C-alpha atoms as a PDB file:
ATOM      1  CA  MET A   1     -35.805 -56.345 -36.889  1.00  0.00           C
ATOM      2  CA  ASP A   2     -36.014 -53.186 -39.050  1.00  0.00           C
ATOM      3  CA  HIS A   3     -38.355 -50.229 -38.553  1.00  0.00           C
ATOM      4  CA  GLY A   4     -40.969 -51.540 -41.011  1.00  0.00           C
ATOM      5  CA  GLN A   5     -41.195 -54.942 -39.309  1.00  0.00           C
ATOM      6  CA  THR A   6     -41.441 -53.273 -35.888  1.00  0.00           C
ATOM      7  CA  MET A   7     -44.357 -51.091 -37.021  1.00  0.00           C
ATOM      8  CA  LYS A   8     -46.103 -54.096 -38.555  1.00  0.00           C
ATOM      9  CA  LEU A   9     -45.725 -56.053 -35.292  1.00  0.00           C
ATOM     10  CA  LEU A  10     -47.080 -53.121 -33.281  1.00  0.00           C
ATOM     11  CA  LYS A  11     -50.091 -52.871 -35.602  1.00  0.00           C
ATOM     12  CA  TRP A  12     -50.867 -56.582 -35.179  1.00  0.00           C
ATOM     13  CA  MET A  13     -50.475 -56.350 -31.392  1.00  0.00           C
ATOM     14  CA  THR A  14     -52.777 -53.312 -31.303  1.00  0.00           C
ATOM     15  CA  PHE A  15     -55.337 -55.150 -33.429  1.00  0.00           C
ATOM     16  CA  LEU A  16     -55.258 -58.215 -31.190  1.00  0.00           C
ATOM     17  CA  ILE A  17     -55.591 -56.121 -28.010  1.00  0.00           C
ATOM     18  CA  LEU A  18     -58.531 -54.174 -29.442  1.00  0.00           C
ATOM     19  CA  SER A  19     -60.181 -57.395 -30.618  1.00  0.00           C
ATOM     20  CA  LEU A  20     -59.795 -58.946 -27.159  1.00  0.00           C
ATOM     21  CA  PHE A  21     -61.206 -55.796 -25.580  1.00  0.00           C
ATOM     22  CA  VAL A  22     -64.225 -55.853 -27.889  1.00  0.00           C
ATOM     23  CA  ILE A  23     -64.873 -59.526 -27.083  1.00  0.00           C
ATOM     24  CA  ILE A  24     -64.675 -58.881 -23.328  1.00  0.00           C
ATOM     25  CA  VAL A  25     -66.990 -55.879 -23.552  1.00  0.00           C
ATOM     26  CA  ALA A  26     -69.454 -57.851 -25.677  1.00  0.00           C
ATOM     27  CA  LEU A  27     -69.517 -60.692 -23.155  1.00  0.00           C
ATOM     28  CA  THR A  28     -69.769 -58.293 -20.247  1.00  0.00           C
ATOM     29  CA  PHE A  29     -72.791 -56.444 -21.542  1.00  0.00           C
ATOM     30  CA  SER A  30     -74.516 -59.436 -23.060  1.00  0.00           C
ATOM     31  CA  GLN A  31     -77.796 -59.993 -21.231  1.00  0.00           C
ATOM     32  CA  GLU A  32     -77.770 -63.609 -22.304  1.00  0.00           C
ATOM     33  CA  THR A  33     -74.339 -64.133 -20.705  1.00  0.00           C
ATOM     34  CA  ALA A  34     -75.506 -62.555 -17.440  1.00  0.00           C
ATOM     35  CA  ARG A  35     -78.671 -64.678 -17.386  1.00  0.00           C
ATOM     36  CA  ASN A  36     -76.694 -67.869 -17.974  1.00  0.00           C
ATOM     37  CA  LEU A  37     -74.254 -67.007 -15.176  1.00  0.00           C
ATOM     38  CA  GLU A  38     -77.112 -66.237 -12.788  1.00  0.00           C
ATOM     39  CA  LYS A  39     -78.804 -69.533 -13.662  1.00  0.00           C
ATOM     40  CA  ASN A  40     -75.599 -71.577 -13.217  1.00  0.00           C
ATOM     41  CA  PHE A  41     -74.687 -69.832  -9.948  1.00  0.00           C
ATOM     42  CA  ARG A  42     -78.126 -70.527  -8.488  1.00  0.00           C
ATOM     43  CA  LYS A  43     -78.058 -74.155  -9.663  1.00  0.00           C
ATOM     44  CA  ASN A  44     -74.589 -74.807  -8.169  1.00  0.00           C
ATOM     45  CA  ILE A  45     -75.446 -73.223  -4.805  1.00  0.00           C
ATOM     46  CA  ILE A  46     -78.676 -75.201  -4.466  1.00  0.00           C
ATOM     47  CA  ARG A  47     -77.006 -78.463  -5.513  1.00  0.00           C
ATOM     48  CA  SER A  48     -74.115 -77.987  -3.046  1.00  0.00           C
ATOM     49  CA  PHE A  49     -76.414 -77.768  -0.022  1.00  0.00           C
ATOM     50  CA  GLU A  50     -78.939 -80.320  -1.223  1.00  0.00           C
ATOM     51  CA  ASP A  51     -76.083 -82.854  -1.384  1.00  0.00           C
ATOM     52  CA  SER A  52     -75.796 -82.305   2.388  1.00  0.00           C
ATOM     53  CA  GLY A  53     -79.527 -82.804   2.898  1.00  0.00           C
ATOM     54  CA  MET A  54     -80.394 -79.109   3.137  1.00  0.00           C
ATOM     55  CA  PRO A  55     -82.928 -77.793   0.565  1.00  0.00           C
ATOM     56  CA  THR A  56     -82.114 -74.230  -0.468  1.00  0.00           C
ATOM     57  CA  GLN A  57     -84.096 -71.185  -1.583  1.00  0.00           C
ATOM     58  CA  LEU A  58     -82.228 -68.608  -3.681  1.00  0.00           C
ATOM     59  CA  ASP A  59     -84.110 -66.197  -5.933  1.00  0.00           C
ATOM     60  CA  ASP A  60     -83.669 -62.829  -7.682  1.00  0.00           C
ATOM     61  CA  ILE A  61     -79.934 -63.128  -8.297  1.00  0.00           C
ATOM     62  CA  GLU A  62     -78.288 -60.115  -9.955  1.00  0.00           C
ATOM     63  CA  ILE A  63     -74.816 -60.308 -11.532  1.00  0.00           C
ATOM     64  CA  SER A  64     -72.737 -57.334 -12.681  1.00  0.00           C
ATOM     65  CA  PHE A  65     -69.175 -57.052 -14.015  1.00  0.00           C
ATOM     66  CA  TRP A  66     -66.062 -54.954 -13.448  1.00  0.00           C
ATOM     67  CA  PRO A  67     -65.870 -55.657 -10.589  1.00  0.00           C
ATOM     68  CA  LEU A  68     -67.685 -58.998 -10.502  1.00  0.00           C
ATOM     69  CA  LEU A  69     -70.603 -58.637  -8.080  1.00  0.00           C
ATOM     70  CA  ILE A  70     -73.337 -61.158  -7.261  1.00  0.00           C
ATOM     71  CA  LYS A  71     -76.314 -59.902  -5.255  1.00  0.00           C
ATOM     72  CA  TRP A  72     -79.381 -61.577  -3.770  1.00  0.00           C
ATOM     73  CA  PRO A  73     -82.093 -60.556  -1.257  1.00  0.00           C
ATOM     74  CA  LEU A  74     -82.359 -63.913   0.538  1.00  0.00           C
ATOM     75  CA  LEU A  75     -80.518 -67.227   0.671  1.00  0.00           C
ATOM     76  CA  ASN A  76     -82.412 -69.662   2.896  1.00  0.00           C
ATOM     77  CA  ILE A  77     -80.864 -73.046   3.745  1.00  0.00           C
ATOM     78  CA  ALA A  78     -82.807 -75.373   6.041  1.00  0.00           C
ATOM     79  CA  ARG A  79     -82.536 -79.014   7.038  1.00  0.00           C
ATOM     80  CA  ASN A  80     -85.902 -80.765   6.783  1.00  0.00           C
ATOM     81  CA  SER A  81     -84.801 -84.377   6.957  1.00  0.00           C
ATOM     82  CA  ALA A  82     -82.374 -86.538   8.862  1.00  0.00           C
ATOM     83  CA  SER A  83     -78.877 -86.692   7.421  1.00  0.00           C
ATOM     84  CA  GLN A  84     -77.224 -89.933   6.375  1.00  0.00           C
ATOM     85  CA  LEU A  85     -74.442 -88.944   8.784  1.00  0.00           C
ATOM     86  CA  PRO A  86     -76.452 -87.250  11.563  1.00  0.00           C
ATOM     87  CA  ASN A  87     -73.405 -86.746  13.791  1.00  0.00           C
ATOM     88  CA  SER A  88     -70.987 -85.486  11.143  1.00  0.00           C
ATOM     89  CA  TRP A  89     -69.402 -82.127  12.009  1.00  0.00           C
ATOM     90  CA  LEU A  90     -70.965 -80.486   8.932  1.00  0.00           C
ATOM     91  CA  GLN A  91     -74.421 -81.746   9.903  1.00  0.00           C
ATOM     92  CA  ILE A  92     -74.802 -79.749  13.108  1.00  0.00           C
ATOM     93  CA  PHE A  93     -76.474 -76.879  11.234  1.00  0.00           C
ATOM     94  CA  LYS A  94     -80.283 -76.714  11.293  1.00  0.00           C
ATOM     95  CA  SER A  95     -80.780 -73.587   9.203  1.00  0.00           C
ATOM     96  CA  ILE A  96     -78.881 -70.638   7.716  1.00  0.00           C
ATOM     97  CA  LYS A  97     -80.365 -67.417   6.316  1.00  0.00           C
ATOM     98  CA  LEU A  98     -78.346 -64.725   4.547  1.00  0.00           C
ATOM     99  CA  SER A  99     -80.266 -61.509   3.817  1.00  0.00           C
ATOM    100  CA  ASN A 100     -79.425 -58.628   1.435  1.00  0.00           C
ATOM    101  CA  CYS A 101     -76.031 -59.965   0.387  1.00  0.00           C
ATOM    102  CA  THR A 102     -73.345 -58.947  -2.084  1.00  0.00           C
ATOM    103  CA  LEU A 103     -70.568 -61.325  -3.133  1.00  0.00           C
ATOM    104  CA  SER A 104     -67.564 -59.634  -4.761  1.00  0.00           C
ATOM    105  CA  ILE A 105     -64.811 -61.628  -6.484  1.00  0.00           C
ATOM    106  CA  SER A 106     -61.368 -60.293  -7.381  1.00  0.00           C
ATOM    107  CA  PRO A 107     -57.891 -61.717  -8.126  1.00  0.00           C
ATOM    108  CA  GLY A 108     -55.202 -61.615  -5.439  1.00  0.00           C
ATOM    109  CA  TRP A 109     -51.668 -62.873  -4.914  1.00  0.00           C
ATOM    110  CA  PHE A 110     -51.646 -66.637  -5.662  1.00  0.00           C
ATOM    111  CA  ARG A 111     -55.379 -66.969  -4.877  1.00  0.00           C
ATOM    112  CA  PHE A 112     -58.764 -65.379  -5.551  1.00  0.00           C
ATOM    113  CA  ASN A 113     -60.543 -63.160  -3.037  1.00  0.00           C
ATOM    114  CA  ALA A 114     -64.263 -63.671  -2.377  1.00  0.00           C
ATOM    115  CA  GLU A 115     -65.882 -61.177  -0.016  1.00  0.00           C
ATOM    116  CA  LEU A 116     -69.457 -61.789   1.129  1.00  0.00           C
ATOM    117  CA  GLN A 117     -71.219 -58.890   2.843  1.00  0.00           C
ATOM    118  CA  CYS A 118     -74.738 -59.352   4.228  1.00  0.00           C
ATOM    119  CA  LYS A 119     -77.156 -57.160   6.135  1.00  0.00           C
ATOM    120  CA  GLU A 120     -78.089 -60.060   8.402  1.00  0.00           C
ATOM    121  CA  VAL A 121     -77.029 -63.690   8.896  1.00  0.00           C
ATOM    122  CA  TYR A 122     -79.149 -66.053  10.974  1.00  0.00           C
ATOM    123  CA  VAL A 123     -77.745 -69.452  12.051  1.00  0.00           C
ATOM    124  CA  ARG A 124     -79.341 -72.256  14.061  1.00  0.00           C
ATOM    125  CA  HIS A 125     -77.238 -75.266  15.064  1.00  0.00           C
ATOM    126  CA  LEU A 126     -77.293 -78.148  17.492  1.00  0.00           C
ATOM    127  CA  GLN A 127     -75.455 -77.689  20.767  1.00  0.00           C
ATOM    128  CA  VAL A 128     -72.054 -79.360  21.129  1.00  0.00           C
ATOM    129  CA  ARG A 129     -71.022 -81.071  24.372  1.00  0.00           C
ATOM    130  CA  TRP A 130     -67.372 -81.924  25.009  1.00  0.00           C
ATOM    131  CA  LEU A 131     -65.744 -84.916  26.686  1.00  0.00           C
ATOM    132  CA  GLU A 132     -62.071 -84.908  27.749  1.00  0.00           C
ATOM    133  CA  VAL A 133     -59.787 -87.403  25.997  1.00  0.00           C
ATOM    134  CA  GLU A 134     -56.443 -87.173  27.754  1.00  0.00           C
ATOM    135  CA  SER A 135     -54.599 -89.616  25.493  1.00  0.00           C
ATOM    136  CA  LEU A 136     -55.059 -87.336  22.461  1.00  0.00           C
ATOM    137  CA  ASN A 137     -54.239 -84.147  24.376  1.00  0.00           C
ATOM    138  CA  SER A 138     -57.540 -82.799  23.111  1.00  0.00           C
ATOM    139  CA  ALA A 139     -61.236 -82.804  23.843  1.00  0.00           C
ATOM    140  CA  LEU A 140     -63.763 -85.012  22.063  1.00  0.00           C
ATOM    141  CA  SER A 141     -67.198 -83.820  21.105  1.00  0.00           C
ATOM    142  CA  ARG A 142     -69.591 -86.216  22.805  1.00  0.00           C
ATOM    143  CA  ASP A 143     -72.230 -85.767  20.136  1.00  0.00           C
ATOM    144  CA  PHE A 144     -70.446 -85.277  16.822  1.00  0.00           C
ATOM    145  CA  PHE A 145     -67.669 -86.922  14.859  1.00  0.00           C
ATOM    146  CA  PHE A 146     -65.408 -85.810  12.037  1.00  0.00           C
ATOM    147  CA  VAL A 147     -65.530 -87.229   8.509  1.00  0.00           C
ATOM    148  CA  HIS A 148     -62.324 -86.800   6.465  1.00  0.00           C
ATOM    149  CA  SER A 149     -64.250 -86.506   3.195  1.00  0.00           C
ATOM    150  CA  ASP A 150     -65.952 -83.352   4.523  1.00  0.00           C
ATOM    151  CA  PHE A 151     -62.596 -81.635   4.896  1.00  0.00           C
ATOM    152  CA  ARG A 152     -61.259 -82.910   1.572  1.00  0.00           C
ATOM    153  CA  ASN A 153     -64.382 -81.763  -0.283  1.00  0.00           C
ATOM    154  CA  LEU A 154     -64.152 -78.268   1.181  1.00  0.00           C
ATOM    155  CA  GLU A 155     -60.415 -78.080   0.472  1.00  0.00           C
ATOM    156  CA  GLY A 156     -60.951 -79.257  -3.100  1.00  0.00           C
ATOM    157  CA  LYS A 157     -63.517 -76.511  -3.772  1.00  0.00           C
ATOM    158  CA  GLN A 158     -61.866 -73.615  -1.927  1.00  0.00           C
ATOM    159  CA  ARG A 159     -58.127 -74.393  -1.980  1.00  0.00           C
ATOM    160  CA  TRP A 160     -57.289 -71.290  -4.055  1.00  0.00           C
ATOM    161  CA  TRP A 161     -59.710 -68.901  -2.385  1.00  0.00           C
ATOM    162  CA  ASN A 162     -59.399 -66.376   0.408  1.00  0.00           C
ATOM    163  CA  ILE A 163     -62.907 -66.084   1.857  1.00  0.00           C
ATOM    164  CA  ILE A 164     -64.053 -62.940   3.705  1.00  0.00           C
ATOM    165  CA  LEU A 165     -67.406 -62.905   5.533  1.00  0.00           C
ATOM    166  CA  LYS A 166     -68.939 -59.696   6.895  1.00  0.00           C
ATOM    167  CA  THR A 167     -72.364 -58.949   8.314  1.00  0.00           C
ATOM    168  CA  GLU A 168     -73.916 -56.073  10.231  1.00  0.00           C
ATOM    169  CA  ASN A 169     -75.938 -58.465  12.344  1.00  0.00           C
ATOM    170  CA  LEU A 170     -75.160 -62.134  13.105  1.00  0.00           C
ATOM    171  CA  ILE A 171     -77.731 -64.142  15.083  1.00  0.00           C
ATOM    172  CA  ILE A 172     -76.593 -67.585  16.336  1.00  0.00           C
ATOM    173  CA  ASN A 173     -79.236 -69.615  18.185  1.00  0.00           C
ATOM    174  CA  GLY A 174     -80.923 -66.361  19.206  1.00  0.00           C
ATOM    175  CA  LYS A 175     -77.717 -64.617  20.355  1.00  0.00           C
ATOM    176  CA  ASN A 176     -77.000 -61.345  18.543  1.00  0.00           C
ATOM    177  CA  ILE A 177     -73.455 -60.395  17.427  1.00  0.00           C
ATOM    178  CA  SER A 178     -73.050 -56.990  15.734  1.00  0.00           C
ATOM    179  CA  HIS A 179     -70.544 -56.217  12.963  1.00  0.00           C
ATOM    180  CA  PHE A 180     -69.202 -59.755  12.549  1.00  0.00           C
ATOM    181  CA  HIS A 181     -66.064 -60.207  10.407  1.00  0.00           C
ATOM    182  CA  LEU A 182     -64.382 -63.552   9.619  1.00  0.00           C
ATOM    183  CA  ASN A 183     -61.702 -64.645   7.117  1.00  0.00           C
ATOM    184  CA  TYR A 184     -60.655 -68.178   6.231  1.00  0.00           C
ATOM    185  CA  TYR A 185     -58.292 -69.873   3.786  1.00  0.00           C
ATOM    186  CA  PHE A 186     -56.392 -73.141   3.317  1.00  0.00           C
ATOM    187  CA  SER A 187     -52.702 -72.794   4.150  1.00  0.00           C
ATOM    188  CA  SER A 188     -52.109 -76.393   2.991  1.00  0.00           C
ATOM    189  CA  HIS A 189     -54.050 -79.482   1.909  1.00  0.00           C
ATOM    190  CA  THR A 190     -54.540 -80.437   5.562  1.00  0.00           C
ATOM    191  CA  GLU A 191     -54.872 -77.091   7.355  1.00  0.00           C
ATOM    192  CA  LEU A 192     -57.646 -74.483   7.364  1.00  0.00           C
ATOM    193  CA  VAL A 193     -56.929 -71.094   8.968  1.00  0.00           C
ATOM    194  CA  ILE A 194     -59.804 -69.044  10.398  1.00  0.00           C
ATOM    195  CA  GLU A 195     -59.258 -65.427  11.470  1.00  0.00           C
ATOM    196  CA  TRP A 196     -61.357 -62.840  13.324  1.00  0.00           C
ATOM    197  CA  PRO A 197     -59.665 -59.539  12.334  1.00  0.00           C
ATOM    198  CA  ASN A 198     -61.738 -57.364  14.678  1.00  0.00           C
ATOM    199  CA  LEU A 199     -60.833 -59.562  17.652  1.00  0.00           C
ATOM    200  CA  LYS A 200     -57.263 -60.243  16.443  1.00  0.00           C
ATOM    201  CA  GLU A 201     -57.811 -63.950  17.004  1.00  0.00           C
ATOM    202  CA  LYS A 202     -56.982 -66.970  14.870  1.00  0.00           C
ATOM    203  CA  MET A 203     -57.836 -70.689  14.822  1.00  0.00           C
ATOM    204  CA  HIS A 204     -56.322 -73.611  12.870  1.00  0.00           C
ATOM    205  CA  LEU A 205     -58.278 -76.721  11.831  1.00  0.00           C
ATOM    206  CA  ILE A 206     -55.828 -79.528  11.058  1.00  0.00           C
ATOM    207  CA  ASN A 207     -56.908 -82.716   9.284  1.00  0.00           C
ATOM    208  CA  GLU A 208     -55.122 -85.582  11.070  1.00  0.00           C
ATOM    209  CA  PRO A 209     -55.600 -89.363  10.699  1.00  0.00           C
ATOM    210  CA  GLU A 210     -57.558 -89.709  13.958  1.00  0.00           C
ATOM    211  CA  GLN A 211     -59.174 -86.292  14.338  1.00  0.00           C
ATOM    212  CA  LEU A 212     -59.832 -82.782  13.126  1.00  0.00           C
ATOM    213  CA  ARG A 213     -57.578 -80.910  15.540  1.00  0.00           C
ATOM    214  CA  VAL A 214     -58.645 -77.419  16.596  1.00  0.00           C
ATOM    215  CA  VAL A 215     -55.688 -75.235  17.589  1.00  0.00           C
ATOM    216  CA  PHE A 216     -55.799 -71.737  19.070  1.00  0.00           C
ATOM    217  CA  PRO A 217     -52.304 -70.145  18.769  1.00  0.00           C
ATOM    218  CA  GLY A 218     -50.933 -69.206  22.177  1.00  0.00           C
ATOM    219  CA  VAL A 219     -53.295 -71.571  24.023  1.00  0.00           C
ATOM    220  CA  LYS A 220     -51.789 -74.781  25.408  1.00  0.00           C
ATOM    221  CA  LYS A 221     -54.981 -76.834  25.341  1.00  0.00           C
ATOM    222  CA  ASN A 222     -56.309 -77.974  21.958  1.00  0.00           C
ATOM    223  CA  TYR A 223     -59.696 -79.337  20.962  1.00  0.00           C
ATOM    224  CA  GLY A 224     -60.840 -81.673  18.242  1.00  0.00           C
ATOM    225  CA  PHE A 225     -63.529 -83.698  16.513  1.00  0.00           C
ATOM    226  CA  LEU A 226     -62.534 -87.349  16.405  1.00  0.00           C
ATOM    227  CA  SER A 227     -62.805 -89.395  13.225  1.00  0.00           C
ATOM    228  CA  HIS A 228     -65.923 -91.521  12.792  1.00  0.00           C
ATOM    229  CA  SER A 229     -64.419 -94.858  13.860  1.00  0.00           C
ATOM    230  CA  LEU A 230     -62.418 -93.477  16.791  1.00  0.00           C
ATOM    231  CA  HIS A 231     -65.369 -91.440  18.017  1.00  0.00           C
ATOM    232  CA  ALA A 232     -67.588 -94.542  18.088  1.00  0.00           C
ATOM    233  CA  GLU A 233     -64.906 -96.568  19.894  1.00  0.00           C
ATOM    234  CA  ILE A 234     -64.188 -94.029  22.631  1.00  0.00           C
ATOM    235  CA  ASN A 235     -67.817 -93.020  23.000  1.00  0.00           C
ATOM    236  CA  SER A 236     -68.832 -96.639  23.599  1.00  0.00           C
ATOM    237  CA  LEU A 237     -66.149 -96.916  26.295  1.00  0.00           C
ATOM    238  CA  TRP A 238     -67.455 -93.737  27.872  1.00  0.00           C
ATOM    239  CA  GLN A 239     -71.031 -95.049  27.821  1.00  0.00           C
ATOM    240  CA  ASN A 240     -69.915 -98.333  29.445  1.00  0.00           C
ATOM    241  CA  SER A 241     -68.212 -96.423  32.252  1.00  0.00           C
ATOM    242  CA  LEU A 242     -71.489 -94.781  33.353  1.00  0.00           C
END
């Protein structure tokens, strides 16, 4: 390639880069684009929780770019009707409120990072009682069972995301926890890793044929939610033994 061809190629590359930059800037500062993104984000969040029987309130969303930030004053999720699977492990939540939140999204190595910071998070859930199941080397929740589709749905939506949750004030069933920090990500199609950086603790949720196994590294005893059919079978045996 001679000098003239090289200069021509550089000019075309410069033109393409400038054109791409102009397009990105135009999209970024387009009010219509921002409004459409806000509308779609709100619609998807509400639909996700309503599918689980939890009507959702989410108003006054604000989206900005570079970096991508999504802000809202209140996200209120509350269960007002019985679930089709009342004992499913995802159905133990009664209500969740996230106040004064900012969600930031950025690219990372091999996955995207999503960091949610809130002023306050309020969670109400049903209490879980445990029953020993020696044959599975685990403990069975006496009240709740595990549905494999729950895990697969979550993995399908968040497989390529590293999720970071931070709040100045976490209230769980009336108990206050200050400066809460939690990370979670899928290390494989069948394993979810949850970390508490401030406490230097970690937990693995492993999707197995008979249960959702809960493993704490360094602890010999594991826990788990049994699958729907196995939970019903063992729970009936336990009831008959009373």
